Amino acid sequence: MPLGATLPASPAGDDEGDASATLSVPASVAGSGALDRLVGTARAYARHATAKNTTLAYRTDWANFNRWCRRRGADPLPPSTELLGLYIADLASASGPSSALSVSTIERRLSGLAWHYRQRGFALDRKDRHIATVLAGIRRKHARPPVQKEAVLAEDIRAMVATLGFDLRGLRDRAILLIGYAGGLRRSEIVCLDAGKDDTPDSGGWVKIEDGGAILFLRGKTGWREVEIGRGSSDATCPVHALEQWLYFAGIDFGPLFRRISRDNARALEARLSDKHVARLIKQTVLAAGLRSDLPEKDRLALFSGHSLRAGLASGAEVDERYIQKQLGHASAEMTRRYQRRRDRFRVNLTKAAGL
């Protein structure tokens, strides 16, 4: 077991698997006020070891597995590869009242469980035959190509922002859409931004506006990265101009960049926007702009999400692929290509190159 880790009192624990709750002064070391204070500091750092949404997802995974074990009289601790093989088989087959889960969701749940076991000092061997063989069978029988959200392209984003007014709420939402599109940002990255560095404890980055454009400093999974957003060809669609307008009329020079607005639409509040607002905004403006009007409204709403902005930049920017990869913060070109809904797939023709 790792130094300083202790097992929770119950399988799930009151904290539902919060890794920071298991940190304590090692039993072999005499306690002191200084060490006890460091326990609190270490717990605070441990809570930031994973992104908030990832932590919430892992916590849900652990709670679901604990409920499944209780209903069957099984103990989730210590990890049993045989038991986990039965668990994922149940998730895939939907033998109970719940519907079957997708392969990607099952793999995500395994990742969440492995994370929780590591926090408790256990190692979960996902390559063990009781897990790996069952998972391989699930992939072979149930795997489907990923369902991709529709990309919002340049003409689409122009139509979407045109549906917004020029009141305070319209200025904010216009800046959200244009910054999200030009930066290829996730919806969580959009709302985590502050006006300046270290403005708030929950900040995930900040923005710096210069003559040539805006630089976003974002904290990602592997550290900090910079996203450059240049000025556009016209004020109507320039993301930097839209951001400047929002900041000026909202009177924001400190704290969260994108905030809730008072009911009378007269002032920006202090509360940071939720990332769910970005998803709702995209769907709302997609309908208002009449995108994919050939489909029923329900199908149109299902086609677009927060990822539509990232996919739009990857699909529409006519630049070398490596620049798109850098903007999206991807470690590999293959990941970037997953976001490209339209591209010249046969620019490199290996058939002709091979002499045929």
Protein backbone atom coordinates (compact mmCIF):
# COMPACT_ATOMS: atom_id res chain seq x y z
CA MET A 1 0.00 0.00 0.00
CA PRO A 2 1.35 3.50 -0.86
CA LEU A 3 2.84 5.49 2.02
CA GLY A 4 0.25 7.64 3.74
CA ALA A 5 -2.79 5.81 2.28
CA THR A 6 -5.38 4.14 4.45
CA LEU A 7 -8.33 2.03 3.47
CA PRO A 8 -11.76 3.61 3.92
CA ALA A 9 -13.94 2.24 6.69
CA SER A 10 -16.53 0.87 4.28
CA PRO A 11 -16.30 -0.47 0.70
CA ALA A 12 -17.71 2.69 -0.81
CA GLY A 13 -16.71 5.06 1.96
CA ASP A 14 -18.67 8.12 2.99
CA ASP A 15 -16.74 10.05 0.38
CA GLU A 16 -17.68 7.59 -2.39
CA GLY A 17 -14.04 7.11 -3.24
CA ASP A 18 -12.54 10.55 -2.85
CA ALA A 19 -8.81 9.87 -3.04
CA SER A 20 -7.97 12.85 -0.87
CA ALA A 21 -9.93 11.37 2.04
CA THR A 22 -7.51 8.43 2.34
CA LEU A 23 -4.43 10.60 2.95
CA SER A 24 -3.06 10.68 6.49
CA VAL A 25 0.16 10.87 8.46
CA PRO A 26 2.03 7.53 8.16
CA ALA A 27 1.61 5.36 11.25
CA SER A 28 5.40 5.10 11.63
CA VAL A 29 5.77 8.88 12.04
CA ALA A 30 4.83 10.77 15.21
CA GLY A 31 2.06 13.25 14.56
CA SER A 32 2.62 16.97 14.91
CA GLY A 33 0.81 20.17 14.15
CA ALA A 34 2.96 20.83 11.10
CA LEU A 35 2.41 17.37 9.66
CA ASP A 36 -1.32 17.49 10.35
CA ARG A 37 -1.54 20.77 8.46
CA LEU A 38 0.34 19.22 5.55
CA VAL A 39 -2.26 16.44 5.42
CA GLY A 40 -4.84 19.08 4.57
CA THR A 41 -2.54 20.59 1.94
CA ALA A 42 -1.89 17.17 0.40
CA ARG A 43 -5.61 16.42 0.30
CA ALA A 44 -6.26 19.70 -1.50
CA TYR A 45 -3.63 18.83 -4.14
CA ALA A 46 -5.02 15.29 -4.47
CA ARG A 47 -8.46 16.70 -5.25
CA HIS A 48 -6.90 18.50 -8.24
CA ALA A 49 -5.15 15.38 -9.57
CA THR A 50 -7.92 14.83 -12.11
CA ALA A 51 -10.32 17.18 -13.87
CA LYS A 52 -13.56 17.92 -12.05
CA ASN A 53 -15.75 16.20 -14.63
CA THR A 54 -13.46 13.15 -14.66
CA THR A 55 -13.57 12.93 -10.87
CA LEU A 56 -17.37 13.12 -10.90
CA ALA A 57 -17.56 10.41 -13.57
CA TYR A 58 -15.17 8.13 -11.65
CA ARG A 59 -17.15 8.68 -8.45
CA THR A 60 -20.34 7.65 -10.24
CA ASP A 61 -18.59 4.57 -11.67
CA TRP A 62 -17.48 3.50 -8.19
CA ALA A 63 -20.95 4.07 -6.70
CA ASN A 64 -22.59 2.04 -9.49
CA PHE A 65 -20.18 -0.86 -8.97
CA ASN A 66 -20.76 -0.79 -5.22
CA ARG A 67 -24.54 -0.98 -5.71
CA TRP A 68 -24.12 -3.85 -8.15
CA CYS A 69 -21.97 -5.73 -5.61
CA ARG A 70 -24.38 -5.14 -2.71
CA ARG A 71 -27.33 -6.51 -4.69
CA ARG A 72 -25.39 -9.70 -5.31
CA GLY A 73 -23.86 -10.07 -1.88
CA ALA A 74 -20.33 -9.46 -3.20
CA ASP A 75 -17.52 -7.33 -1.77
CA PRO A 76 -15.82 -4.79 -4.08
CA LEU A 77 -12.63 -4.92 -1.99
CA PRO A 78 -10.10 -6.29 -2.63
CA PRO A 79 -10.43 -6.27 -6.43
CA SER A 80 -11.45 -9.56 -8.01
CA THR A 81 -10.86 -9.93 -11.76
CA GLU A 82 -13.42 -12.75 -11.84
CA LEU A 83 -16.06 -10.49 -10.27
CA LEU A 84 -15.22 -7.62 -12.63
CA GLY A 85 -15.51 -9.94 -15.62
CA LEU A 86 -19.05 -10.80 -14.49
CA TYR A 87 -19.79 -7.11 -13.91
CA ILE A 88 -18.84 -5.96 -17.42
CA ALA A 89 -20.67 -8.94 -18.92
CA ASP A 90 -23.80 -7.80 -17.10
CA LEU A 91 -23.34 -4.23 -18.33
CA ALA A 92 -23.05 -5.40 -21.93
CA SER A 93 -25.86 -7.95 -21.89
CA ALA A 94 -28.44 -5.89 -19.98
CA SER A 95 -29.60 -8.96 -18.08
CA GLY A 96 -31.08 -6.69 -15.38
CA PRO A 97 -33.60 -3.85 -15.55
CA SER A 98 -31.07 -1.38 -17.03
CA SER A 99 -30.36 -1.12 -20.73
CA ALA A 100 -27.08 -2.36 -22.21
CA LEU A 101 -24.15 0.05 -22.11
CA SER A 102 -21.94 0.88 -25.07
CA VAL A 103 -18.42 -0.50 -25.33
CA SER A 104 -16.90 2.93 -24.73
CA THR A 105 -18.98 3.41 -21.56
CA ILE A 106 -17.95 0.00 -20.23
CA GLU A 107 -14.28 0.80 -20.88
CA ARG A 108 -14.73 4.16 -19.13
CA ARG A 109 -16.23 2.41 -16.11
CA LEU A 110 -13.28 0.05 -15.94
CA SER A 111 -10.94 3.03 -16.01
CA GLY A 112 -12.88 4.63 -13.16
CA LEU A 113 -12.73 1.46 -11.07
CA ALA A 114 -9.01 1.03 -11.75
CA TRP A 115 -8.45 4.62 -10.59
CA HIS A 116 -10.35 4.03 -7.35
CA TYR A 117 -8.46 0.82 -6.65
CA ARG A 118 -5.15 2.64 -7.12
CA GLN A 119 -6.20 5.22 -4.54
CA ARG A 120 -6.78 2.38 -2.10
CA GLY A 121 -3.38 0.81 -2.70
CA PHE A 122 -4.58 -2.00 -4.98
CA ALA A 123 -3.57 -2.79 -8.55
CA LEU A 124 -6.25 -3.87 -10.98
CA ASP A 125 -4.83 -5.97 -13.80
CA ARG A 126 -7.07 -5.20 -16.76
CA LYS A 127 -5.02 -7.62 -18.87
CA ASP A 128 -6.06 -10.53 -16.67
CA ARG A 129 -7.91 -13.11 -18.77
CA HIS A 130 -11.13 -12.80 -16.72
CA ILE A 131 -11.41 -9.15 -17.78
CA ALA A 132 -9.49 -8.96 -21.07
CA THR A 133 -11.18 -11.97 -22.69
CA VAL A 134 -14.68 -10.89 -21.74
CA LEU A 135 -13.99 -7.32 -22.89
CA ALA A 136 -12.59 -8.58 -26.20
CA GLY A 137 -15.78 -10.55 -26.75
CA ILE A 138 -17.90 -7.53 -25.92
CA ARG A 139 -15.97 -5.41 -28.41
CA ARG A 140 -16.28 -8.04 -31.11
CA LYS A 141 -20.02 -8.47 -30.66
CA HIS A 142 -21.22 -5.00 -29.73
CA ALA A 143 -18.64 -2.45 -30.95
CA ARG A 144 -20.00 0.11 -33.41
CA PRO A 145 -18.37 3.05 -35.19
CA PRO A 146 -18.47 6.12 -32.92
CA VAL A 147 -21.46 8.42 -33.36
CA GLN A 148 -19.99 11.79 -34.26
CA LYS A 149 -21.67 15.11 -33.72
CA GLU A 150 -22.23 17.39 -36.69
CA ALA A 151 -19.53 19.98 -37.27
CA VAL A 152 -20.45 23.66 -37.14
CA LEU A 153 -18.70 25.15 -40.18
CA ALA A 154 -17.86 28.79 -40.94
CA GLU A 155 -21.13 29.54 -42.75
CA ASP A 156 -23.02 27.85 -39.91
CA ILE A 157 -21.36 29.82 -37.12
CA ARG A 158 -22.02 33.07 -39.00
CA ALA A 159 -25.70 32.17 -39.26
CA MET A 160 -25.84 31.17 -35.59
CA VAL A 161 -24.33 34.40 -34.23
CA ALA A 162 -26.61 36.40 -36.52
CA THR A 163 -29.59 35.12 -34.51
CA LEU A 164 -28.26 36.74 -31.33
CA GLY A 165 -29.16 40.22 -30.17
CA PHE A 166 -26.84 43.01 -29.09
CA ASP A 167 -28.04 43.20 -25.51
CA LEU A 168 -25.79 41.94 -22.70
CA ARG A 169 -26.87 38.33 -23.06
CA GLY A 170 -26.40 38.44 -26.82
CA LEU A 171 -22.91 39.93 -26.49
CA ARG A 172 -21.90 37.19 -24.06
CA ASP A 173 -23.30 34.34 -26.13
CA ARG A 174 -21.77 35.72 -29.34
CA ALA A 175 -18.34 35.79 -27.67
CA ILE A 176 -18.83 32.24 -26.37
CA LEU A 177 -19.65 30.83 -29.80
CA LEU A 178 -16.91 32.67 -31.68
CA ILE A 179 -14.17 32.08 -29.10
CA GLY A 180 -15.18 28.42 -28.79
CA TYR A 181 -15.13 27.96 -32.56
CA ALA A 182 -11.92 29.86 -33.33
CA GLY A 183 -10.10 28.27 -30.40
CA GLY A 184 -11.41 24.76 -31.03
CA LEU A 185 -12.30 24.66 -27.35
CA ARG A 186 -14.21 22.15 -25.27
CA ARG A 187 -17.23 23.65 -23.55
CA SER A 188 -15.54 23.13 -20.16
CA GLU A 189 -12.52 25.09 -21.41
CA ILE A 190 -14.72 28.00 -22.48
CA VAL A 191 -16.38 28.49 -19.11
CA CYS A 192 -13.27 27.81 -16.99
CA LEU A 193 -11.50 30.95 -18.23
CA ASP A 194 -10.83 33.99 -16.04
CA ALA A 195 -10.12 37.54 -17.12
CA GLY A 196 -6.66 37.39 -15.54
CA LYS A 197 -4.18 34.96 -14.07
CA ASP A 198 -5.02 33.51 -10.63
CA ASP A 199 -8.26 35.48 -10.36
CA THR A 200 -10.29 32.64 -8.81
CA PRO A 201 -9.49 29.31 -7.11
CA ASP A 202 -11.54 27.30 -9.64
CA SER A 203 -9.91 28.90 -12.69
CA GLY A 204 -8.81 26.66 -15.53
CA GLY A 205 -7.02 29.40 -17.42
CA TRP A 206 -7.08 33.06 -18.39
CA VAL A 207 -7.05 35.31 -21.44
CA LYS A 208 -4.62 37.97 -22.63
CA ILE A 209 -5.77 40.33 -25.38
CA GLU A 210 -3.13 41.87 -27.65
CA ASP A 211 -3.19 43.94 -30.84
CA GLY A 212 -2.99 40.88 -33.08
CA GLY A 213 -5.48 38.74 -31.19
CA ALA A 214 -6.06 36.89 -27.94
CA ILE A 215 -3.95 34.28 -26.18
CA LEU A 216 -5.73 31.75 -24.00
CA PHE A 217 -3.71 30.01 -21.30
CA LEU A 218 -5.45 26.73 -20.55
CA ARG A 219 -4.75 24.04 -18.00
CA GLY A 220 -5.16 20.67 -19.71
CA LYS A 221 -4.76 17.04 -18.74
CA THR A 222 -1.00 17.10 -19.26
CA GLY A 223 -0.23 20.68 -18.20
CA TRP A 224 -0.65 24.19 -19.52
CA ARG A 225 -1.06 25.05 -23.19
CA GLU A 226 -1.51 28.26 -25.13
CA VAL A 227 -4.23 28.81 -27.72
CA GLU A 228 -3.81 31.73 -30.10
CA ILE A 229 -6.93 33.31 -31.58
CA GLY A 230 -6.24 35.90 -34.27
CA ARG A 231 -8.54 38.73 -35.19
CA GLY A 232 -11.11 38.07 -37.91
CA SER A 233 -11.70 39.80 -41.22
CA SER A 234 -14.76 41.73 -39.94
CA ASP A 235 -16.04 42.89 -36.57
CA ALA A 236 -19.28 40.98 -37.09
CA THR A 237 -17.53 37.62 -36.86
CA CYS A 238 -14.24 38.47 -35.13
CA PRO A 239 -13.96 36.42 -31.93
CA VAL A 240 -11.55 38.87 -30.30
CA HIS A 241 -13.79 41.85 -31.06
CA ALA A 242 -16.78 39.94 -29.68
CA LEU A 243 -14.84 39.19 -26.50
CA GLU A 244 -13.76 42.84 -26.12
CA GLN A 245 -17.35 44.00 -26.54
CA TRP A 246 -18.59 41.57 -23.91
CA LEU A 247 -15.90 42.51 -21.40
CA TYR A 248 -16.47 46.25 -21.92
CA PHE A 249 -20.25 46.32 -21.59
CA ALA A 250 -20.28 43.72 -18.80
CA GLY A 251 -17.61 45.68 -16.92
CA ILE A 252 -15.45 42.61 -16.37
CA ASP A 253 -11.77 43.06 -15.54
CA PHE A 254 -11.43 40.39 -12.86
CA GLY A 255 -12.82 36.94 -12.16
CA PRO A 256 -14.75 34.54 -14.38
CA LEU A 257 -14.81 35.49 -18.05
CA PHE A 258 -18.28 34.17 -18.88
CA ARG A 259 -20.93 34.71 -16.23
CA ARG A 260 -24.59 34.52 -15.53
CA ILE A 261 -26.64 37.63 -16.24
CA SER A 262 -29.34 39.24 -14.11
CA ARG A 263 -32.95 38.52 -15.01
CA ASP A 264 -33.47 42.04 -16.33
CA ASN A 265 -30.47 41.52 -18.64
CA ALA A 266 -28.87 44.65 -17.21
CA ARG A 267 -25.71 43.40 -15.48
CA ALA A 268 -23.29 40.50 -15.29
CA LEU A 269 -23.36 38.57 -12.02
CA GLU A 270 -20.37 37.07 -10.23
CA ALA A 271 -21.34 33.42 -10.77
CA ARG A 272 -19.44 31.49 -13.45
CA LEU A 273 -21.49 29.92 -16.24
CA SER A 274 -21.91 26.15 -16.31
CA ASP A 275 -20.58 24.25 -19.32
CA LYS A 276 -24.17 23.07 -19.88
CA HIS A 277 -24.98 26.60 -21.02
CA VAL A 278 -22.63 26.19 -23.99
CA ALA A 279 -24.41 23.01 -25.10
CA ARG A 280 -27.83 24.65 -24.73
CA LEU A 281 -26.64 27.75 -26.59
CA ILE A 282 -25.39 25.71 -29.54
CA LYS A 283 -28.66 23.80 -29.83
CA GLN A 284 -30.72 26.98 -29.45
CA THR A 285 -28.86 28.89 -32.16
CA VAL A 286 -28.75 25.86 -34.48
CA LEU A 287 -32.56 25.81 -34.44
CA ALA A 288 -32.84 29.59 -34.77
CA ALA A 289 -30.44 29.62 -37.75
CA GLY A 290 -32.33 26.81 -39.49
CA LEU A 291 -29.36 24.45 -39.78
CA ARG A 292 -30.23 21.01 -41.13
CA SER A 293 -33.84 22.06 -41.62
CA ASP A 294 -34.32 18.91 -43.69
CA LEU A 295 -34.53 16.95 -40.43
CA PRO A 296 -37.14 16.92 -37.65
CA GLU A 297 -36.31 19.19 -34.71
CA LYS A 298 -35.53 16.27 -32.39
CA ASP A 299 -32.97 14.86 -34.85
CA ARG A 300 -31.43 18.29 -35.42
CA LEU A 301 -30.93 18.80 -31.70
CA ALA A 302 -29.33 15.36 -31.36
CA LEU A 303 -26.83 16.13 -34.16
CA PHE A 304 -25.19 19.12 -32.46
CA SER A 305 -23.41 19.49 -29.14
CA GLY A 306 -20.51 21.35 -27.54
CA HIS A 307 -18.07 19.24 -29.58
CA SER A 308 -19.59 20.67 -32.77
CA LEU A 309 -17.41 23.77 -32.31
CA ARG A 310 -14.17 21.74 -32.07
CA ALA A 311 -15.19 19.59 -35.01
CA GLY A 312 -16.04 22.72 -36.99
CA LEU A 313 -12.59 24.23 -36.62
CA ALA A 314 -10.90 20.91 -37.42
CA SER A 315 -13.08 20.42 -40.50
CA GLY A 316 -13.20 23.95 -41.86
CA ALA A 317 -9.74 25.44 -41.32
CA GLU A 318 -7.80 25.29 -44.60
CA VAL A 319 -4.36 24.98 -43.03
CA ASP A 320 -1.77 22.28 -42.47
CA GLU A 321 -3.09 19.57 -40.18
CA ARG A 322 -0.32 20.11 -37.62
CA TYR A 323 -1.61 23.62 -36.85
CA ILE A 324 -5.09 22.25 -36.17
CA GLN A 325 -3.57 19.54 -33.98
CA LYS A 326 -1.74 22.16 -31.92
CA GLN A 327 -4.84 24.36 -31.58
CA LEU A 328 -6.96 21.46 -30.33
CA GLY A 329 -4.22 20.27 -28.00
CA HIS A 330 -4.08 16.75 -29.39
CA ALA A 331 -1.08 14.51 -28.79
CA SER A 332 -1.47 12.75 -32.15
CA ALA A 333 -2.61 13.59 -35.67
CA GLU A 334 -4.89 10.54 -35.58
CA MET A 335 -6.95 12.09 -32.79
CA THR A 336 -7.25 15.33 -34.79
CA ARG A 337 -8.51 13.40 -37.81
CA ARG A 338 -11.38 12.04 -35.74
CA TYR A 339 -12.67 15.60 -35.53
CA GLN A 340 -12.39 16.31 -39.24
CA ARG A 341 -15.79 15.73 -40.79
CA ARG A 342 -14.61 16.74 -44.26
CA ARG A 343 -11.08 16.56 -45.58
CA ASP A 344 -9.19 15.43 -48.65
CA ARG A 345 -8.83 11.77 -47.72
CA PHE A 346 -7.05 10.84 -50.93
CA ARG A 347 -4.60 13.72 -51.17
CA VAL A 348 -1.87 11.13 -50.70
CA ASN A 349 -2.70 8.33 -53.16
CA LEU A 350 -0.69 5.28 -52.18
CA THR A 351 -2.28 3.25 -54.97
CA LYS A 352 -0.72 5.43 -57.68
CA ALA A 353 2.46 5.77 -55.68
CA ALA A 354 2.73 1.99 -55.67
CA GLY A 355 2.56 1.94 -59.50
CA LEU A 356 -1.09 0.98 -60.08
